[in-house]
């Protein structure tokens, strides 16, 4: 048996144990201070630890058993870990936003809206980043200037969505967000103008 094959689930198991330790420490701190952010840490890292431990156990079992079942079972365990990780990160996001705005009582009602906005901006940034990389690969193969401009345009639009996360803390980043979007749109105008010239 390949020892390196066993290292992956071993590290996954160790990570799960560490996450559980973090959760227990966070629970202790919450009991001492009463700060809600520690409760968020406790819930989130407990979920992360549980996901890692379950995945490591499934990985160990699939490695030791028949290779036929290894791929589907491993895919299921990876999906389960991804879902639990997503839930844990949403918990962290919720408590972080709640802590940030708890000094303003009315703003607590806005926490779900901030969570939705954050999630959508993150997804938008990832989609645009994927589009940027996809067009960049095509540019590397074809060396067409228009594709380089489009790739850069997508990248700047992606940065405009990423700057939302800075804006949550620093309002000045609004300028950054709008600047990236403005420059990205300018690049698309440049590309479309050049395309018209080629067609003529």
N, C-alpha and C. Protein backbone atom coordinates (compact mmCIF):
# COMPACT_ATOMS: atom_id res chain seq x y z
N UNK A 1 0.85 -1.21 0.00
CA UNK A 1 0.00 0.00 0.00
C UNK A 1 0.88 1.26 0.00
N UNK A 2 0.50 2.20 -0.85
CA UNK A 2 1.25 3.46 -0.96
C UNK A 2 1.05 4.30 0.30
N UNK A 3 2.16 4.64 0.98
CA UNK A 3 2.08 5.40 2.23
C UNK A 3 1.56 6.82 1.98
N UNK A 4 1.89 7.35 0.79
CA UNK A 4 1.46 8.71 0.46
C UNK A 4 -0.06 8.78 0.28
N UNK A 5 -0.64 7.64 -0.15
CA UNK A 5 -2.10 7.58 -0.31
C UNK A 5 -2.79 7.69 1.04
N UNK A 6 -2.14 7.21 2.09
CA UNK A 6 -2.71 7.25 3.44
C UNK A 6 -2.51 8.61 4.11
N UNK A 7 -1.55 9.39 3.60
CA UNK A 7 -1.27 10.69 4.22
C UNK A 7 -2.43 11.66 4.07
N UNK A 8 -3.12 11.61 2.93
CA UNK A 8 -4.22 12.54 2.67
C UNK A 8 -5.33 12.42 3.71
N UNK A 9 -5.90 11.20 3.92
CA UNK A 9 -6.92 11.08 4.97
C UNK A 9 -6.36 11.32 6.38
N UNK A 10 -5.06 11.02 6.57
CA UNK A 10 -4.45 11.25 7.89
C UNK A 10 -4.42 12.74 8.22
N UNK A 11 -4.03 13.55 7.24
CA UNK A 11 -4.02 15.00 7.44
C UNK A 11 -5.44 15.55 7.57
N UNK A 12 -6.37 14.95 6.82
CA UNK A 12 -7.78 15.35 6.91
C UNK A 12 -8.30 15.08 8.32
N UNK A 13 -7.93 13.93 8.87
CA UNK A 13 -8.34 13.57 10.23
C UNK A 13 -7.73 14.54 11.24
N UNK A 14 -6.44 14.84 11.07
CA UNK A 14 -5.76 15.77 11.97
C UNK A 14 -6.40 17.16 11.91
N UNK A 15 -6.76 17.59 10.71
CA UNK A 15 -7.42 18.88 10.55
C UNK A 15 -8.77 18.89 11.26
N UNK A 16 -9.49 17.77 11.17
CA UNK A 16 -10.78 17.67 11.85
C UNK A 16 -10.63 17.78 13.36
N UNK A 17 -9.61 17.11 13.89
CA UNK A 17 -9.36 17.16 15.33
C UNK A 17 -9.02 18.58 15.76
N UNK A 18 -8.16 19.25 14.99
CA UNK A 18 -7.78 20.63 15.30
C UNK A 18 -9.00 21.56 15.26
N UNK A 19 -9.87 21.36 14.27
CA UNK A 19 -11.09 22.19 14.17
C UNK A 19 -11.99 21.99 15.38
N UNK A 20 -12.10 20.75 15.85
CA UNK A 20 -12.90 20.46 17.06
C UNK A 20 -12.29 21.15 18.27
N UNK A 21 -10.95 21.14 18.36
CA UNK A 21 -10.25 21.82 19.47
C UNK A 21 -10.55 23.32 19.43
N UNK A 22 -10.51 23.90 18.22
CA UNK A 22 -10.84 25.32 18.07
C UNK A 22 -12.27 25.59 18.53
N UNK A 23 -13.19 24.69 18.17
CA UNK A 23 -14.59 24.84 18.56
C UNK A 23 -14.75 24.81 20.08
N UNK A 24 -14.04 23.88 20.74
CA UNK A 24 -14.13 23.78 22.20
C UNK A 24 -13.53 25.01 22.89
N UNK A 25 -12.42 25.51 22.34
CA UNK A 25 -11.81 26.74 22.87
C UNK A 25 -12.76 27.92 22.72
N UNK A 26 -13.39 27.98 21.55
CA UNK A 26 -14.33 29.08 21.28
C UNK A 26 -15.52 29.01 22.24
N UNK A 27 -15.99 27.79 22.52
CA UNK A 27 -17.10 27.63 23.45
C UNK A 27 -16.71 28.10 24.85
N UNK A 28 -15.47 27.77 25.25
CA UNK A 28 -14.98 28.21 26.56
C UNK A 28 -14.92 29.74 26.62
N UNK A 29 -14.40 30.35 25.55
CA UNK A 29 -14.32 31.81 25.52
C UNK A 29 -15.71 32.46 25.52
N UNK A 30 -16.66 31.80 24.85
CA UNK A 30 -18.03 32.34 24.83
C UNK A 30 -18.64 32.29 26.23
N UNK A 31 -18.39 31.19 26.95
CA UNK A 31 -18.91 31.06 28.32
C UNK A 31 -18.28 32.09 29.25
N UNK A 32 -17.02 32.44 29.00
CA UNK A 32 -16.32 33.41 29.85
C UNK A 32 -16.74 34.84 29.54
N UNK A 33 -16.74 35.19 28.21
CA UNK A 33 -16.96 36.59 27.83
C UNK A 33 -18.38 36.90 27.40
N UNK A 34 -19.08 35.89 26.90
CA UNK A 34 -20.44 36.12 26.40
C UNK A 34 -20.48 36.78 25.03
N UNK A 35 -19.30 36.96 24.39
CA UNK A 35 -19.27 37.58 23.06
C UNK A 35 -19.78 36.59 22.00
N UNK A 36 -20.72 37.09 21.19
CA UNK A 36 -21.41 36.20 20.25
C UNK A 36 -20.51 35.69 19.13
N UNK A 37 -19.45 36.41 18.83
CA UNK A 37 -18.55 35.96 17.77
C UNK A 37 -17.92 34.61 18.12
N UNK A 38 -17.68 34.36 19.42
CA UNK A 38 -17.11 33.08 19.85
C UNK A 38 -18.12 31.94 19.65
N UNK A 39 -19.41 32.26 19.81
CA UNK A 39 -20.44 31.26 19.55
C UNK A 39 -20.44 30.89 18.07
N UNK A 40 -20.23 31.91 17.22
CA UNK A 40 -20.12 31.66 15.78
C UNK A 40 -18.94 30.77 15.46
N UNK A 41 -17.79 31.05 16.10
CA UNK A 41 -16.60 30.20 15.91
C UNK A 41 -16.89 28.76 16.33
N UNK A 42 -17.56 28.63 17.46
CA UNK A 42 -17.83 27.29 18.01
C UNK A 42 -18.68 26.46 17.05
N UNK A 43 -19.77 27.07 16.55
CA UNK A 43 -20.67 26.36 15.63
C UNK A 43 -19.95 26.05 14.31
N UNK A 44 -19.28 27.06 13.76
CA UNK A 44 -18.64 26.90 12.45
C UNK A 44 -17.53 25.86 12.47
N UNK A 45 -16.63 25.95 13.46
CA UNK A 45 -15.50 25.02 13.49
C UNK A 45 -15.93 23.61 13.91
N UNK A 46 -17.03 23.53 14.63
CA UNK A 46 -17.58 22.20 14.94
C UNK A 46 -18.06 21.53 13.66
N UNK A 47 -18.72 22.31 12.79
CA UNK A 47 -19.18 21.77 11.51
C UNK A 47 -17.99 21.40 10.62
N UNK A 48 -16.98 22.28 10.59
CA UNK A 48 -15.78 22.00 9.77
C UNK A 48 -15.07 20.75 10.27
N UNK A 49 -14.93 20.63 11.59
CA UNK A 49 -14.29 19.46 12.18
C UNK A 49 -15.05 18.18 11.90
N UNK A 50 -16.36 18.25 12.05
CA UNK A 50 -17.21 17.08 11.77
C UNK A 50 -17.07 16.65 10.32
N UNK A 51 -17.09 17.63 9.41
CA UNK A 51 -16.96 17.33 7.98
C UNK A 51 -15.62 16.67 7.68
N UNK A 52 -14.54 17.19 8.26
CA UNK A 52 -13.21 16.64 8.02
C UNK A 52 -13.06 15.23 8.58
N UNK A 53 -13.60 15.01 9.78
CA UNK A 53 -13.52 13.68 10.40
C UNK A 53 -14.30 12.65 9.60
N UNK A 54 -15.51 13.03 9.17
CA UNK A 54 -16.33 12.11 8.37
C UNK A 54 -15.63 11.78 7.05
N UNK A 55 -15.08 12.81 6.42
CA UNK A 55 -14.39 12.59 5.14
C UNK A 55 -13.16 11.71 5.31
N UNK A 56 -12.40 11.92 6.39
CA UNK A 56 -11.19 11.12 6.61
C UNK A 56 -11.55 9.65 6.85
N UNK A 57 -12.62 9.41 7.60
CA UNK A 57 -13.06 8.03 7.86
C UNK A 57 -13.48 7.34 6.57
N UNK A 58 -14.26 8.09 5.74
CA UNK A 58 -14.70 7.53 4.45
C UNK A 58 -13.51 7.26 3.54
N UNK A 59 -12.54 8.19 3.54
CA UNK A 59 -11.34 8.02 2.71
C UNK A 59 -10.53 6.80 3.14
N UNK A 60 -10.34 6.65 4.45
CA UNK A 60 -9.62 5.49 4.97
C UNK A 60 -10.30 4.19 4.52
N UNK A 61 -11.64 4.18 4.63
CA UNK A 61 -12.40 2.97 4.30
C UNK A 61 -12.30 2.65 2.81
N UNK A 62 -12.40 3.70 1.96
CA UNK A 62 -12.35 3.46 0.51
C UNK A 62 -10.95 3.02 0.07
N UNK A 63 -9.92 3.53 0.71
CA UNK A 63 -8.55 3.13 0.37
C UNK A 63 -8.31 1.66 0.73
N UNK A 64 -8.87 1.26 1.87
CA UNK A 64 -8.67 -0.12 2.33
C UNK A 64 -9.61 -1.12 1.66
N UNK A 65 -10.69 -0.62 1.04
CA UNK A 65 -11.65 -1.53 0.42
C UNK A 65 -11.46 -1.57 -1.08
N UNK A 66 -12.47 -2.08 -1.78
CA UNK A 66 -12.40 -2.24 -3.23
C UNK A 66 -12.29 -0.90 -3.94
N UNK A 67 -11.51 -0.83 -4.99
CA UNK A 67 -11.31 0.40 -5.76
C UNK A 67 -12.55 0.78 -6.56
N UNK A 68 -13.47 -0.17 -6.79
CA UNK A 68 -14.67 0.10 -7.57
C UNK A 68 -15.57 1.14 -6.91
N UNK A 69 -15.67 1.03 -5.60
CA UNK A 69 -16.56 1.95 -4.88
C UNK A 69 -15.86 3.22 -4.45
N UNK A 70 -14.55 3.29 -4.64
CA UNK A 70 -13.77 4.41 -4.11
C UNK A 70 -14.19 5.75 -4.72
N UNK A 71 -14.35 5.81 -6.04
CA UNK A 71 -14.63 7.09 -6.71
C UNK A 71 -15.99 7.66 -6.32
N UNK A 72 -17.12 6.89 -6.44
CA UNK A 72 -18.42 7.48 -6.06
C UNK A 72 -18.53 7.84 -4.58
N UNK A 73 -17.99 6.99 -3.72
CA UNK A 73 -18.05 7.26 -2.27
C UNK A 73 -17.22 8.48 -1.93
N UNK A 74 -16.04 8.57 -2.54
CA UNK A 74 -15.17 9.72 -2.31
C UNK A 74 -15.83 11.01 -2.80
N UNK A 75 -16.51 10.92 -3.96
CA UNK A 75 -17.21 12.08 -4.52
C UNK A 75 -18.32 12.53 -3.57
N UNK A 76 -19.04 11.56 -2.98
CA UNK A 76 -20.12 11.88 -2.04
C UNK A 76 -19.55 12.55 -0.79
N UNK A 77 -18.45 12.02 -0.27
CA UNK A 77 -17.85 12.58 0.94
C UNK A 77 -17.33 14.00 0.69
N UNK A 78 -16.80 14.21 -0.53
CA UNK A 78 -16.31 15.55 -0.88
C UNK A 78 -17.46 16.54 -0.98
N UNK A 79 -18.59 16.09 -1.56
CA UNK A 79 -19.77 16.93 -1.65
C UNK A 79 -20.30 17.28 -0.27
N UNK A 80 -20.35 16.28 0.61
CA UNK A 80 -20.83 16.48 1.98
C UNK A 80 -19.94 17.48 2.72
N UNK A 81 -18.63 17.34 2.55
CA UNK A 81 -17.69 18.26 3.19
C UNK A 81 -17.86 19.68 2.66
N UNK A 82 -18.09 19.80 1.36
CA UNK A 82 -18.28 21.12 0.75
C UNK A 82 -19.53 21.80 1.29
N UNK A 83 -20.61 21.01 1.44
CA UNK A 83 -21.87 21.57 1.94
C UNK A 83 -21.72 22.03 3.39
N UNK A 84 -21.12 21.17 4.22
CA UNK A 84 -20.92 21.53 5.63
C UNK A 84 -19.97 22.72 5.78
N UNK A 85 -18.95 22.78 4.91
CA UNK A 85 -18.04 23.93 4.94
C UNK A 85 -18.76 25.21 4.57
N UNK A 86 -19.62 25.13 3.55
CA UNK A 86 -20.39 26.31 3.14
C UNK A 86 -21.28 26.80 4.27
N UNK A 87 -21.96 25.86 4.93
CA UNK A 87 -22.82 26.23 6.07
C UNK A 87 -22.00 26.88 7.17
N UNK A 88 -20.83 26.32 7.45
CA UNK A 88 -19.98 26.86 8.53
C UNK A 88 -19.49 28.26 8.18
N UNK A 89 -19.15 28.50 6.91
CA UNK A 89 -18.68 29.83 6.51
C UNK A 89 -19.82 30.85 6.55
N UNK A 90 -21.04 30.39 6.23
CA UNK A 90 -22.20 31.28 6.33
C UNK A 90 -22.47 31.65 7.79
N UNK A 91 -22.25 30.67 8.68
CA UNK A 91 -22.40 30.94 10.12
C UNK A 91 -21.38 31.99 10.55
N UNK A 92 -20.13 31.81 10.12
CA UNK A 92 -19.08 32.79 10.46
C UNK A 92 -19.42 34.17 9.91
N UNK A 93 -19.91 34.20 8.68
CA UNK A 93 -20.29 35.47 8.06
C UNK A 93 -21.41 36.15 8.83
N UNK A 94 -22.41 35.34 9.22
CA UNK A 94 -23.55 35.89 9.97
C UNK A 94 -23.10 36.52 11.29
N UNK A 95 -22.31 35.78 12.06
CA UNK A 95 -21.88 36.29 13.37
C UNK A 95 -20.89 37.45 13.24
N UNK A 96 -20.09 37.43 12.17
CA UNK A 96 -19.16 38.54 11.95
C UNK A 96 -19.93 39.83 11.65
N UNK A 97 -20.94 39.71 10.79
CA UNK A 97 -21.77 40.87 10.46
C UNK A 97 -22.58 41.32 11.66
N UNK A 98 -23.07 40.34 12.41
CA UNK A 98 -23.86 40.68 13.60
C UNK A 98 -23.01 41.41 14.62
N UNK A 99 -21.77 40.97 14.79
CA UNK A 99 -20.85 41.63 15.72
C UNK A 99 -20.50 43.04 15.23
N UNK A 100 -20.33 43.17 13.91
CA UNK A 100 -19.94 44.46 13.35
C UNK A 100 -21.04 45.51 13.52
N UNK A 101 -22.29 45.07 13.51
CA UNK A 101 -23.38 46.03 13.52
C UNK A 101 -24.22 46.01 14.79
N UNK A 102 -23.79 45.23 15.80
CA UNK A 102 -24.63 45.10 16.98
C UNK A 102 -24.71 46.39 17.80
N UNK A 103 -23.79 47.34 17.57
CA UNK A 103 -23.86 48.62 18.26
C UNK A 103 -25.02 49.46 17.74
N UNK A 104 -25.50 49.15 16.53
CA UNK A 104 -26.66 49.86 15.97
C UNK A 104 -27.80 48.86 15.89
N UNK A 105 -28.73 48.98 16.78
CA UNK A 105 -29.77 47.96 16.93
C UNK A 105 -30.56 47.74 15.65
N UNK A 106 -30.87 48.83 14.93
CA UNK A 106 -31.68 48.71 13.72
C UNK A 106 -30.96 47.92 12.64
N UNK A 107 -29.63 47.97 12.65
CA UNK A 107 -28.86 47.33 11.59
C UNK A 107 -28.88 45.81 11.68
N UNK A 108 -29.25 45.28 12.85
CA UNK A 108 -29.31 43.82 13.00
C UNK A 108 -30.32 43.23 12.01
N UNK A 109 -31.37 43.99 11.71
CA UNK A 109 -32.38 43.51 10.77
C UNK A 109 -31.80 43.43 9.35
N UNK A 110 -30.71 44.15 9.10
CA UNK A 110 -30.11 44.19 7.77
C UNK A 110 -29.10 43.07 7.54
N UNK A 111 -28.77 42.33 8.60
CA UNK A 111 -27.75 41.27 8.48
C UNK A 111 -28.07 40.28 7.36
N UNK A 112 -29.32 39.76 7.25
CA UNK A 112 -29.61 38.82 6.14
C UNK A 112 -29.36 39.44 4.77
N UNK A 113 -29.66 40.73 4.63
CA UNK A 113 -29.44 41.40 3.34
C UNK A 113 -27.96 41.51 3.02
N UNK A 114 -27.16 41.81 4.06
CA UNK A 114 -25.71 41.87 3.88
C UNK A 114 -25.17 40.50 3.48
N UNK A 115 -25.72 39.44 4.08
CA UNK A 115 -25.27 38.08 3.76
C UNK A 115 -25.58 37.74 2.31
N UNK A 116 -26.80 38.09 1.86
CA UNK A 116 -27.19 37.81 0.48
C UNK A 116 -26.31 38.60 -0.48
N UNK A 117 -26.10 39.88 -0.19
CA UNK A 117 -25.26 40.72 -1.05
C UNK A 117 -23.84 40.19 -1.12
N UNK A 118 -23.32 39.76 0.03
CA UNK A 118 -21.96 39.22 0.07
C UNK A 118 -21.85 37.96 -0.78
N UNK A 119 -22.82 37.06 -0.61
CA UNK A 119 -22.82 35.81 -1.38
C UNK A 119 -22.91 36.05 -2.87
N UNK A 120 -23.81 36.95 -3.27
CA UNK A 120 -24.00 37.23 -4.70
C UNK A 120 -22.75 37.88 -5.29
N UNK A 121 -22.15 38.84 -4.55
CA UNK A 121 -20.93 39.49 -5.05
C UNK A 121 -19.79 38.49 -5.18
N UNK A 122 -19.70 37.56 -4.25
CA UNK A 122 -18.65 36.53 -4.30
C UNK A 122 -18.84 35.65 -5.53
N UNK A 123 -20.08 35.23 -5.78
CA UNK A 123 -20.38 34.40 -6.95
C UNK A 123 -20.09 35.17 -8.23
N UNK A 124 -20.52 36.44 -8.28
CA UNK A 124 -20.26 37.28 -9.46
C UNK A 124 -18.76 37.40 -9.74
N UNK A 125 -17.99 37.62 -8.65
CA UNK A 125 -16.53 37.76 -8.80
C UNK A 125 -15.92 36.48 -9.35
N UNK A 126 -16.37 35.32 -8.85
CA UNK A 126 -15.84 34.03 -9.32
C UNK A 126 -16.18 33.78 -10.78
N UNK A 127 -17.43 34.08 -11.17
CA UNK A 127 -17.85 33.88 -12.56
C UNK A 127 -17.00 34.74 -13.50
N UNK A 128 -16.84 36.01 -13.13
CA UNK A 128 -16.06 36.92 -13.96
C UNK A 128 -14.58 36.53 -14.02
N UNK A 129 -14.07 36.03 -12.89
CA UNK A 129 -12.69 35.57 -12.86
C UNK A 129 -12.50 34.36 -13.77
N UNK A 130 -13.48 33.46 -13.74
CA UNK A 130 -13.44 32.28 -14.62
C UNK A 130 -13.47 32.73 -16.08
N UNK A 131 -14.35 33.68 -16.42
CA UNK A 131 -14.44 34.19 -17.78
C UNK A 131 -13.11 34.83 -18.21
N UNK A 132 -12.51 35.57 -17.29
CA UNK A 132 -11.23 36.23 -17.57
C UNK A 132 -10.15 35.19 -17.89
N UNK A 133 -10.05 34.15 -17.08
CA UNK A 133 -9.04 33.11 -17.29
C UNK A 133 -9.30 32.32 -18.56
N UNK A 134 -10.60 32.08 -18.82
CA UNK A 134 -10.98 31.33 -20.03
C UNK A 134 -10.56 32.08 -21.29
N UNK A 135 -10.84 33.38 -21.33
CA UNK A 135 -10.48 34.20 -22.50
C UNK A 135 -8.96 34.36 -22.57
N UNK A 136 -8.31 34.45 -21.40
CA UNK A 136 -6.84 34.58 -21.38
C UNK A 136 -6.18 33.36 -22.01
N UNK A 137 -6.71 32.16 -21.73
CA UNK A 137 -6.17 30.93 -22.33
C UNK A 137 -6.33 30.96 -23.84
N UNK A 138 -7.49 31.46 -24.30
CA UNK A 138 -7.71 31.59 -25.75
C UNK A 138 -6.74 32.60 -26.36
N UNK A 139 -6.46 33.68 -25.60
CA UNK A 139 -5.51 34.70 -26.09
C UNK A 139 -4.11 34.11 -26.21
N UNK A 140 -3.71 33.29 -25.24
CA UNK A 140 -2.37 32.67 -25.27
C UNK A 140 -2.21 31.81 -26.52
N UNK A 141 -3.32 31.16 -26.93
CA UNK A 141 -3.26 30.29 -28.11
C UNK A 141 -3.34 31.07 -29.42
N UNK A 142 -4.15 32.13 -29.44
CA UNK A 142 -4.40 32.85 -30.69
C UNK A 142 -3.65 34.17 -30.83
N UNK A 143 -3.26 34.78 -29.68
CA UNK A 143 -2.57 36.07 -29.65
C UNK A 143 -3.41 37.19 -30.26
N UNK A 144 -4.74 37.09 -30.17
CA UNK A 144 -5.61 38.16 -30.66
C UNK A 144 -5.71 39.25 -29.61
N UNK A 145 -5.47 40.49 -30.02
CA UNK A 145 -5.46 41.62 -29.09
C UNK A 145 -6.83 41.80 -28.42
N UNK A 146 -7.89 41.56 -29.18
CA UNK A 146 -9.25 41.75 -28.65
C UNK A 146 -9.52 40.83 -27.47
N UNK A 147 -8.97 39.60 -27.53
CA UNK A 147 -9.18 38.65 -26.45
C UNK A 147 -8.42 39.06 -25.19
N UNK A 148 -7.25 39.66 -25.37
CA UNK A 148 -6.50 40.17 -24.23
C UNK A 148 -7.28 41.30 -23.54
N UNK A 149 -7.90 42.17 -24.36
CA UNK A 149 -8.68 43.29 -23.82
C UNK A 149 -9.91 42.77 -23.07
N UNK A 150 -10.58 41.77 -23.65
CA UNK A 150 -11.77 41.18 -23.01
C UNK A 150 -11.39 40.52 -21.69
N UNK A 151 -10.27 39.78 -21.69
CA UNK A 151 -9.81 39.11 -20.48
C UNK A 151 -9.54 40.12 -19.36
N UNK A 152 -8.87 41.21 -19.72
CA UNK A 152 -8.57 42.25 -18.75
C UNK A 152 -9.85 42.95 -18.28
N UNK A 153 -10.79 43.12 -19.21
CA UNK A 153 -12.08 43.73 -18.86
C UNK A 153 -12.84 42.89 -17.84
N UNK A 154 -12.90 41.58 -18.09
CA UNK A 154 -13.55 40.67 -17.14
C UNK A 154 -12.86 40.71 -15.78
N UNK A 155 -11.51 40.77 -15.83
CA UNK A 155 -10.75 40.78 -14.58
C UNK A 155 -11.05 42.04 -13.75
N UNK A 156 -11.14 43.18 -14.42
CA UNK A 156 -11.44 44.44 -13.72
C UNK A 156 -12.86 44.42 -13.15
N UNK A 157 -13.80 43.85 -13.89
CA UNK A 157 -15.17 43.72 -13.38
C UNK A 157 -15.22 42.79 -12.17
N UNK A 158 -14.39 41.73 -12.23
CA UNK A 158 -14.29 40.82 -11.08
C UNK A 158 -13.74 41.56 -9.85
N UNK A 159 -12.72 42.40 -10.08
CA UNK A 159 -12.14 43.18 -8.98
C UNK A 159 -13.17 44.14 -8.39
N UNK A 160 -14.05 44.66 -9.24
CA UNK A 160 -15.09 45.59 -8.73
C UNK A 160 -16.00 44.89 -7.74
N UNK A 161 -16.30 43.60 -8.01
CA UNK A 161 -17.13 42.83 -7.07
C UNK A 161 -16.33 42.43 -5.83
N UNK A 162 -15.04 42.12 -6.01
CA UNK A 162 -14.21 41.76 -4.86
C UNK A 162 -14.03 42.94 -3.90
N UNK A 163 -13.98 44.15 -4.47
CA UNK A 163 -13.78 45.33 -3.63
C UNK A 163 -14.97 45.60 -2.72
N UNK A 164 -16.10 44.90 -2.99
CA UNK A 164 -17.28 45.00 -2.10
C UNK A 164 -16.90 44.60 -0.68
N UNK A 165 -16.03 43.58 -0.57
CA UNK A 165 -15.66 43.08 0.75
C UNK A 165 -14.83 44.09 1.54
N UNK A 166 -14.05 44.90 0.79
CA UNK A 166 -13.29 45.98 1.45
C UNK A 166 -14.25 47.11 1.83
N UNK A 167 -15.21 47.35 0.93
CA UNK A 167 -16.18 48.44 1.15
C UNK A 167 -17.00 48.22 2.41
N UNK A 168 -17.20 46.95 2.79
CA UNK A 168 -17.97 46.66 4.00
C UNK A 168 -17.32 47.26 5.23
N UNK A 169 -15.99 47.43 5.18
CA UNK A 169 -15.24 47.99 6.30
C UNK A 169 -14.81 49.43 6.05
N UNK A 170 -14.44 49.69 4.79
CA UNK A 170 -13.93 51.02 4.45
C UNK A 170 -14.75 51.61 3.31
N UNK A 171 -15.55 52.60 3.64
CA UNK A 171 -16.43 53.22 2.65
C UNK A 171 -15.69 53.83 1.48
N UNK A 172 -14.40 54.19 1.70
CA UNK A 172 -13.60 54.79 0.63
C UNK A 172 -13.46 53.82 -0.55
N UNK A 173 -13.58 52.53 -0.26
CA UNK A 173 -13.43 51.52 -1.31
C UNK A 173 -14.54 51.59 -2.35
N UNK A 174 -15.58 52.39 -2.08
CA UNK A 174 -16.62 52.63 -3.08
C UNK A 174 -16.00 53.18 -4.36
N UNK A 175 -15.01 54.05 -4.18
CA UNK A 175 -14.31 54.64 -5.33
C UNK A 175 -13.59 53.54 -6.11
N UNK A 176 -12.95 52.62 -5.37
CA UNK A 176 -12.26 51.50 -6.00
C UNK A 176 -13.24 50.66 -6.82
N UNK A 177 -14.36 50.32 -6.19
CA UNK A 177 -15.36 49.47 -6.83
C UNK A 177 -15.83 50.10 -8.14
N UNK A 178 -16.18 51.37 -8.09
CA UNK A 178 -16.67 52.06 -9.28
C UNK A 178 -15.57 52.27 -10.32
N UNK A 179 -14.34 52.49 -9.85
CA UNK A 179 -13.21 52.69 -10.78
C UNK A 179 -12.93 51.41 -11.57
N UNK A 180 -12.89 50.27 -10.87
CA UNK A 180 -12.66 48.99 -11.55
C UNK A 180 -13.76 48.72 -12.58
N UNK A 181 -15.01 48.96 -12.19
CA UNK A 181 -16.13 48.73 -13.10
C UNK A 181 -16.03 49.66 -14.32
N UNK A 182 -15.71 50.94 -14.05
CA UNK A 182 -15.60 51.93 -15.12
C UNK A 182 -14.52 51.53 -16.13
N UNK A 183 -13.34 51.16 -15.61
CA UNK A 183 -12.23 50.76 -16.48
C UNK A 183 -12.55 49.49 -17.27
N UNK A 184 -13.23 48.54 -16.60
CA UNK A 184 -13.63 47.30 -17.27
C UNK A 184 -14.57 47.57 -18.43
N UNK A 185 -15.54 48.45 -18.21
CA UNK A 185 -16.49 48.79 -19.27
C UNK A 185 -15.80 49.55 -20.41
N UNK A 186 -14.84 50.42 -20.06
CA UNK A 186 -14.07 51.14 -21.08
C UNK A 186 -13.35 50.15 -22.00
N UNK A 187 -12.78 49.09 -21.41
CA UNK A 187 -12.07 48.09 -22.20
C UNK A 187 -13.00 47.37 -23.16
N UNK A 188 -14.22 47.09 -22.70
CA UNK A 188 -15.19 46.45 -23.60
C UNK A 188 -15.57 47.37 -24.75
N UNK A 189 -15.70 48.67 -24.46
CA UNK A 189 -16.00 49.66 -25.51
C UNK A 189 -14.85 49.69 -26.53
N UNK A 190 -13.61 49.68 -26.02
CA UNK A 190 -12.42 49.68 -26.89
C UNK A 190 -12.44 48.45 -27.79
N UNK A 191 -12.71 47.28 -27.19
CA UNK A 191 -12.72 46.03 -27.96
C UNK A 191 -13.79 46.06 -29.03
N UNK A 192 -14.98 46.53 -28.68
CA UNK A 192 -16.09 46.57 -29.65
C UNK A 192 -15.83 47.58 -30.75
N UNK A 193 -15.17 48.69 -30.41
CA UNK A 193 -14.81 49.70 -31.42
C UNK A 193 -13.81 49.13 -32.41
N UNK A 194 -12.83 48.37 -31.90
CA UNK A 194 -11.82 47.76 -32.77
C UNK A 194 -12.45 46.68 -33.66
N UNK A 195 -13.42 45.98 -33.12
CA UNK A 195 -14.10 44.93 -33.89
C UNK A 195 -14.83 45.55 -35.08
N UNK A 196 -15.46 46.71 -34.87
CA UNK A 196 -16.17 47.41 -35.95
C UNK A 196 -15.21 47.80 -37.06
N UNK A 197 -14.02 48.28 -36.65
CA UNK A 197 -13.02 48.70 -37.63
C UNK A 197 -12.56 47.53 -38.48
N UNK A 198 -12.40 46.37 -37.85
CA UNK A 198 -11.95 45.16 -38.58
C UNK A 198 -12.99 44.74 -39.58
N UNK A 199 -14.28 44.82 -39.17
CA UNK A 199 -15.37 44.38 -40.03
C UNK A 199 -15.52 45.26 -41.28
N UNK A 200 -15.17 46.55 -41.14
CA UNK A 200 -15.23 47.46 -42.28
C UNK A 200 -14.11 47.12 -43.27
